[in-house]
Structure formats: structure tokens, C-alpha cells
Amino acid sequence: MIRNDYRHQYVIGDLQGCFGAFNRLLKVLDFDENQDKLWLAGDIVARGEDSLATLRETKRLADKGALATVLGNHDITLIATWRGVLPIKPKDKTAAIFEADDCDELLNWLRKQPLLLYPDEKTVLTHAGIPPNWQIKEAQKYAQELQNQLSGSLKQLDRLLPKLYSKKADVWSDKLHGYQRMRAIANYLTRMRLCTQDGLLEFSFKESLKDEMPSDFRPWFDWYVVRERRILFGHWAALKAQVDTKNVRALDGGCVWGGSLVAYRLGDGKIIEIK
């Protein structure tokens, strides 16, 4: 049964394993897991000081119905590392997860999380955004396709994961099929920053909007598209959660890089942030 009687609901930007900042933010919010709900923009883990504790607490709150999350690119990388597809990256500070007794339990839970959620009737949440060449209902359909693959049997997962990584971007067409289609969906929902108007992605640019961008590429949200919901997204730390328009709201304040951890209160749109 879906609850609609929460006291407050908050959408929080990328945690990136910043467990201390997460706890400080919850204290500032006066978060009550019995009355309130959190929605996470993905990238639960990676470069912060305690990804294991962050993942454990996220799962605990989700099991209570007090939290929901979408998958980010670092979450998918964690799953791929767990399955032996990618090596452990020391800079990601996730090694403790693989040494933990509850590693399989945590990662089996993580891989079954969605890539798109509707926090309320006015908003939609994904990690990186929604490209201009997709309608929101289409994005929901494509996100579900990839979620079905990630949450299937381990044999199916192990076949999929190596195919999700490529330095070349796939231009979207609904005629894409198989692993190429899954890779394109993952790239749009978890890796996107810049694109052309027809949806060709550019992966190298990670800077701010003031920096020079490759020719013909613009931030995905600059290509104006009429949306029936406001898109909430994380992923792009250099934006410092400053992009705030009728169509989109950025929520990654770059906490792991010395910035802020940002919460967006549903209902009135108030921003609460801590360092």
C-alpha cells in the first residue's frame, strides 16, 4: 500500500558514500523515519568516507518504507565490480562493501532498484535527467526495460553488465535492440550531461556551465521541451545544485568534492543544504 500521509518528503542529491554529511543533513531536517520519506537521486556510494555504512542505512530505511532511490552510474559500477566485470577502483573507496558479510544481500537489493521514480504528481526523478528526444512516459518505459534486466537472474545480469560500458555513445532510436539498447538507456539515465538536440551524448565534459563546451553540444536541459513534470536530477556536481527552472531542478551539490549535500522538500520546493 502506498502511503500519502507523510509529514515531509525530501529529494536528496548524490550521497557518494558521505555518511557523516548524510547524518548531519537528516538531523537538520529533523527527519523522522516513521513520519517522513526520502527520495535519493542515485550514486549512493563511491568517493565518500563510508560507502558501506551509507549503503546499509539506505537499505534499512528503504526496507521500512522511509526511502526510495534511483540507480546512478556509480551504483551500477558497484554492481559490475561485485560481479567481477570491473576491478575495484581505490579512489571509489568501496572495497569494504565487498569484504562485508552482508555484501551479497546489499548488492542484490541495490540491483533491483529503479532508474526512474515519481516522487509526487508534479515531479520525476532520475540520476542524470531525461534527454530531449524522450517524453517522460517513454523514459519510464525504457527505465523499466533496463531495470528488468538488472534485477533478473544473476546469469542474465552477468551477461548484461559487460555490455553497458563503451566509450562510444549510441544515438537513440526505438529500433535499437538487445545490449545496445540497454547501454543507451543506461547512458541517458545515469551518465548524461551534454547532448545534441537529437540526443547524441558527450561523455568527457564534466565542468560548469561557464566552461567552454564541445561544438554542437549543450546541457541536455537547454534543449527546450515541454514537460508534464519537473525533472529532478543529480549526477552533475559542477552545477552545484544551482540549476533551477520550471522544467528541471539540479540536486547534486558536490558534497564529496567539498560542496553541499542538498535536500529538496516536496510540496514547497524549499532547499536545505549542509556542508
Protein backbone atom coordinates (compact mmCIF):
# COMPACT_ATOMS: atom_id res chain seq x y z
CA MET A 1 0.00 0.00 0.00
CA ILE A 2 1.32 3.45 -0.98
CA ARG A 3 1.34 5.97 1.84
CA ASN A 4 0.29 9.54 1.13
CA ASP A 5 0.25 10.86 4.69
CA TYR A 6 3.94 11.68 5.15
CA ARG A 7 4.75 14.73 7.24
CA HIS A 8 7.60 15.76 4.90
CA GLN A 9 9.21 14.26 1.82
CA TYR A 10 12.68 15.23 0.62
CA VAL A 11 14.63 14.51 -2.57
CA ILE A 12 18.36 14.36 -1.80
CA GLY A 13 21.27 14.69 -4.22
CA ASP A 14 24.20 12.30 -4.65
CA LEU A 15 25.38 10.84 -1.32
CA GLN A 16 28.56 9.29 -2.78
CA GLY A 17 29.26 7.49 0.49
CA CYS A 18 29.34 10.71 2.55
CA PHE A 19 27.84 9.08 5.61
CA GLY A 20 28.71 11.86 8.03
CA ALA A 21 27.11 14.54 5.84
CA PHE A 22 24.04 12.33 5.34
CA ASN A 23 23.54 12.04 9.09
CA ARG A 24 24.08 15.76 9.61
CA LEU A 25 21.50 16.55 6.94
CA LEU A 26 18.94 14.22 8.48
CA LYS A 27 19.48 15.93 11.83
CA VAL A 28 18.93 19.37 10.27
CA LEU A 29 15.78 18.07 8.58
CA ASP A 30 14.56 16.65 11.89
CA PHE A 31 13.95 13.51 9.85
CA ASP A 32 11.58 11.00 11.42
CA GLU A 33 11.63 7.66 9.63
CA ASN A 34 8.13 6.92 10.89
CA GLN A 35 6.62 10.13 9.50
CA ASP A 36 8.87 11.31 6.66
CA LYS A 37 10.23 9.90 3.40
CA LEU A 38 13.48 10.37 1.49
CA TRP A 39 13.98 10.06 -2.26
CA LEU A 40 17.59 9.68 -3.43
CA ALA A 41 18.92 10.83 -6.80
CA GLY A 42 21.32 7.87 -7.04
CA ASP A 43 25.06 7.42 -6.56
CA ILE A 44 24.61 6.19 -3.02
CA VAL A 45 28.24 5.07 -2.99
CA ALA A 46 31.72 5.85 -4.25
CA ARG A 47 34.18 8.57 -3.27
CA GLY A 48 32.99 9.44 0.27
CA GLU A 49 34.39 8.21 3.58
CA ASP A 50 31.97 5.33 4.28
CA SER A 51 30.08 3.82 1.38
CA LEU A 52 29.34 0.63 3.32
CA ALA A 53 27.55 2.43 6.17
CA THR A 54 25.72 4.65 3.67
CA LEU A 55 24.50 1.66 1.68
CA ARG A 56 23.43 -0.21 4.81
CA GLU A 57 21.47 2.75 6.16
CA THR A 58 19.86 3.41 2.79
CA LYS A 59 18.68 -0.18 2.55
CA ARG A 60 17.45 -0.16 6.16
CA LEU A 61 15.34 2.94 5.56
CA ALA A 62 14.05 1.56 2.26
CA ASP A 63 13.00 -1.69 3.96
CA LYS A 64 10.96 0.43 6.39
CA GLY A 65 9.30 2.33 3.53
CA ALA A 66 11.01 5.57 4.56
CA LEU A 67 13.27 5.83 1.50
CA ALA A 68 13.30 5.18 -2.24
CA THR A 69 16.22 5.59 -4.63
CA VAL A 70 17.04 5.52 -8.31
CA LEU A 71 20.25 3.98 -9.59
CA GLY A 72 23.19 6.17 -10.54
CA ASN A 73 26.25 5.36 -12.64
CA HIS A 74 28.37 4.70 -9.53
CA ASP A 75 25.74 2.30 -8.22
CA ILE A 76 25.80 0.34 -11.47
CA THR A 77 29.61 0.36 -11.37
CA LEU A 78 29.45 -1.08 -7.85
CA ILE A 79 27.19 -3.88 -9.09
CA ALA A 80 29.53 -4.54 -12.03
CA THR A 81 32.52 -4.70 -9.66
CA TRP A 82 30.64 -7.14 -7.41
CA ARG A 83 30.06 -9.41 -10.40
CA GLY A 84 33.71 -9.27 -11.49
CA VAL A 85 33.11 -7.18 -14.60
CA LEU A 86 35.16 -4.21 -13.37
CA PRO A 87 38.12 -4.01 -10.99
CA ILE A 88 37.83 -2.23 -7.66
CA LYS A 89 38.92 1.38 -8.05
CA PRO A 90 40.81 2.56 -4.93
CA LYS A 91 39.54 6.13 -5.41
CA ASP A 92 35.97 4.85 -5.13
CA LYS A 93 36.56 3.68 -1.53
CA THR A 94 34.09 0.81 -1.91
CA ALA A 95 36.37 -2.14 -1.03
CA ALA A 96 34.81 -2.51 2.43
CA ILE A 97 31.48 -3.38 0.82
CA PHE A 98 32.94 -6.45 -0.88
CA GLU A 99 34.56 -7.59 2.36
CA ALA A 100 31.33 -7.27 4.37
CA ASP A 101 29.33 -10.32 5.46
CA ASP A 102 26.17 -8.73 4.06
CA CYS A 103 27.72 -7.80 0.70
CA ASP A 104 25.51 -10.11 -1.37
CA GLU A 105 22.39 -9.01 0.49
CA LEU A 106 23.20 -5.33 -0.07
CA LEU A 107 24.10 -5.69 -3.74
CA ASN A 108 21.15 -7.93 -4.56
CA TRP A 109 18.93 -5.24 -3.07
CA LEU A 110 20.70 -2.44 -4.93
CA ARG A 111 20.45 -4.06 -8.35
CA LYS A 112 16.66 -4.26 -8.01
CA GLN A 113 16.20 -0.51 -7.55
CA PRO A 114 14.55 1.52 -10.35
CA LEU A 115 16.11 4.09 -12.65
CA LEU A 116 13.10 6.43 -12.65
CA LEU A 117 10.65 7.37 -9.92
CA TYR A 118 7.73 9.76 -9.45
CA PRO A 119 8.20 11.44 -6.05
CA ASP A 120 4.88 13.24 -6.46
CA GLU A 121 2.35 14.20 -9.13
CA LYS A 122 4.46 17.15 -10.29
CA THR A 123 7.96 15.66 -10.49
CA VAL A 124 10.01 12.83 -11.95
CA LEU A 125 13.39 11.69 -10.62
CA THR A 126 16.31 10.10 -12.46
CA HIS A 127 20.03 10.23 -11.74
CA ALA A 128 21.22 12.19 -14.79
CA GLY A 129 18.00 13.54 -16.31
CA ILE A 130 15.81 12.78 -19.32
CA PRO A 131 17.07 13.58 -22.85
CA PRO A 132 15.18 15.98 -25.13
CA ASN A 133 14.32 13.19 -27.58
CA TRP A 134 12.31 11.26 -24.95
CA GLN A 135 8.93 12.00 -23.46
CA ILE A 136 8.63 11.21 -19.77
CA LYS A 137 6.30 8.26 -20.38
CA GLU A 138 8.83 6.88 -22.85
CA ALA A 139 11.60 7.34 -20.30
CA GLN A 140 9.56 5.39 -17.76
CA LYS A 141 9.13 2.55 -20.25
CA TYR A 142 12.83 2.45 -21.14
CA ALA A 143 13.88 2.66 -17.49
CA GLN A 144 11.69 -0.33 -16.71
CA GLU A 145 13.28 -2.31 -19.55
CA LEU A 146 16.73 -1.83 -18.06
CA GLN A 147 15.53 -2.43 -14.51
CA ASN A 148 14.07 -5.76 -15.60
CA GLN A 149 17.48 -6.78 -16.96
CA LEU A 150 19.42 -5.64 -13.89
CA SER A 151 17.05 -7.31 -11.45
CA GLY A 152 16.75 -10.63 -13.31
CA SER A 153 18.73 -13.80 -12.68
CA LEU A 154 22.42 -13.49 -11.87
CA LYS A 155 23.22 -15.29 -15.11
CA GLN A 156 21.25 -12.66 -17.02
CA LEU A 157 22.94 -9.88 -15.03
CA ASP A 158 26.40 -11.25 -15.76
CA ARG A 159 25.67 -11.25 -19.49
CA LEU A 160 24.34 -7.69 -19.39
CA LEU A 161 26.91 -5.82 -17.31
CA PRO A 162 29.95 -6.09 -19.66
CA LYS A 163 27.80 -4.69 -22.46
CA LEU A 164 26.88 -1.50 -20.58
CA TYR A 165 30.33 0.05 -20.94
CA SER A 166 31.53 1.73 -24.12
CA LYS A 167 33.41 4.95 -24.88
CA LYS A 168 31.15 5.44 -27.87
CA ALA A 169 27.68 6.88 -27.36
CA ASP A 170 24.72 5.27 -29.09
CA VAL A 171 22.29 7.73 -30.70
CA TRP A 172 18.83 6.77 -29.55
CA SER A 173 16.38 5.06 -31.84
CA ASP A 174 13.47 2.96 -30.71
CA LYS A 175 14.76 0.42 -33.23
CA LEU A 176 17.81 -0.22 -31.04
CA HIS A 177 17.63 -3.68 -29.57
CA GLY A 178 19.50 -6.05 -27.30
CA TYR A 179 22.51 -4.88 -25.32
CA GLN A 180 22.99 -1.78 -27.47
CA ARG A 181 19.52 -0.63 -26.41
CA MET A 182 20.23 -1.35 -22.74
CA ARG A 183 23.54 0.53 -22.93
CA ALA A 184 21.87 3.58 -24.50
CA ILE A 185 19.19 3.63 -21.80
CA ALA A 186 21.80 3.39 -19.05
CA ASN A 187 23.85 6.18 -20.62
CA TYR A 188 20.90 8.57 -20.87
CA LEU A 189 19.56 7.96 -17.39
CA THR A 190 22.84 7.71 -15.46
CA ARG A 191 25.70 9.35 -17.41
CA MET A 192 24.21 12.22 -19.45
CA ARG A 193 25.43 15.81 -19.17
CA LEU A 194 25.80 17.24 -22.66
CA CYS A 195 23.96 16.16 -25.80
CA THR A 196 22.97 17.37 -29.23
CA GLN A 197 19.35 18.16 -30.00
CA ASP A 198 18.82 14.66 -31.41
CA GLY A 199 20.30 13.07 -28.30
CA LEU A 200 23.93 12.27 -29.15
CA LEU A 201 25.79 12.21 -25.83
CA GLU A 202 29.23 13.59 -24.98
CA PHE A 203 30.93 11.85 -22.05
CA SER A 204 34.13 13.82 -21.37
CA PHE A 205 32.72 17.20 -20.28
CA LYS A 206 32.16 17.45 -16.51
CA GLU A 207 32.75 21.16 -15.93
CA SER A 208 30.37 24.02 -15.09
CA LEU A 209 28.04 25.88 -17.43
CA LYS A 210 30.57 28.71 -17.63
CA ASP A 211 33.20 26.49 -19.24
CA GLU A 212 33.63 26.01 -22.96
CA MET A 213 31.65 23.08 -24.30
CA PRO A 214 32.30 20.96 -27.39
CA SER A 215 30.77 22.34 -30.58
CA ASP A 216 27.09 21.45 -31.17
CA PHE A 217 26.69 20.10 -27.62
CA ARG A 218 24.65 21.76 -24.91
CA PRO A 219 23.40 20.67 -21.48
CA TRP A 220 20.54 18.24 -22.02
CA PHE A 221 18.12 20.57 -20.22
CA ASP A 222 18.93 23.50 -22.53
CA TRP A 223 17.09 21.86 -25.40
CA TYR A 224 13.62 23.16 -24.55
CA VAL A 225 10.94 20.51 -24.39
CA VAL A 226 7.50 20.96 -22.87
CA ARG A 227 7.30 18.56 -19.91
CA GLU A 228 4.28 17.47 -17.91
CA ARG A 229 6.51 17.02 -14.84
CA ARG A 230 9.56 18.79 -13.45
CA ILE A 231 12.72 16.70 -13.76
CA LEU A 232 14.76 16.31 -10.57
CA PHE A 233 18.31 15.03 -11.13
CA GLY A 234 21.77 14.69 -9.60
CA HIS A 235 24.98 13.43 -11.24
CA TRP A 236 26.48 16.78 -12.35
CA ALA A 237 28.46 18.01 -9.34
CA ALA A 238 29.90 21.05 -11.11
CA LEU A 239 26.41 22.56 -11.33
CA LYS A 240 26.49 22.85 -7.51
CA ALA A 241 22.70 22.31 -7.48
CA GLN A 242 22.23 25.80 -8.91
CA VAL A 243 20.14 24.91 -11.99
CA ASP A 244 16.56 25.69 -11.05
CA THR A 245 13.99 26.25 -13.79
CA LYS A 246 10.35 25.42 -14.44
CA ASN A 247 11.45 22.24 -16.20
CA VAL A 248 14.37 20.99 -14.11
CA ARG A 249 15.99 21.08 -10.67
CA ALA A 250 19.62 20.03 -10.13
CA LEU A 251 20.32 18.44 -6.73
CA ASP A 252 23.97 17.34 -6.75
CA GLY A 253 25.75 19.95 -4.63
CA GLY A 254 29.11 18.19 -4.93
CA CYS A 255 29.27 17.17 -1.27
CA VAL A 256 32.04 14.63 -1.90
CA TRP A 257 34.14 17.37 -3.53
CA GLY A 258 33.78 19.78 -0.62
CA GLY A 259 30.42 21.20 -1.66
CA SER A 260 27.00 20.69 -0.13
CA LEU A 261 24.58 17.83 0.39
CA VAL A 262 21.25 19.13 -0.84
CA ALA A 263 17.67 18.24 0.04
CA TYR A 264 14.64 19.48 -1.92
CA ARG A 265 11.41 19.46 0.06
CA LEU A 266 8.48 18.28 -1.98
CA GLY A 267 5.40 20.41 -1.65
CA ASP A 268 7.01 23.82 -1.31
CA GLY A 269 10.35 23.30 -3.10
CA LYS A 270 12.44 24.54 -0.18
CA ILE A 271 16.16 23.74 -0.41
CA ILE A 272 18.03 22.64 2.72
CA GLU A 273 21.77 22.03 2.44
CA ILE A 274 24.70 21.26 4.69
CA LYS A 275 28.45 21.17 4.13
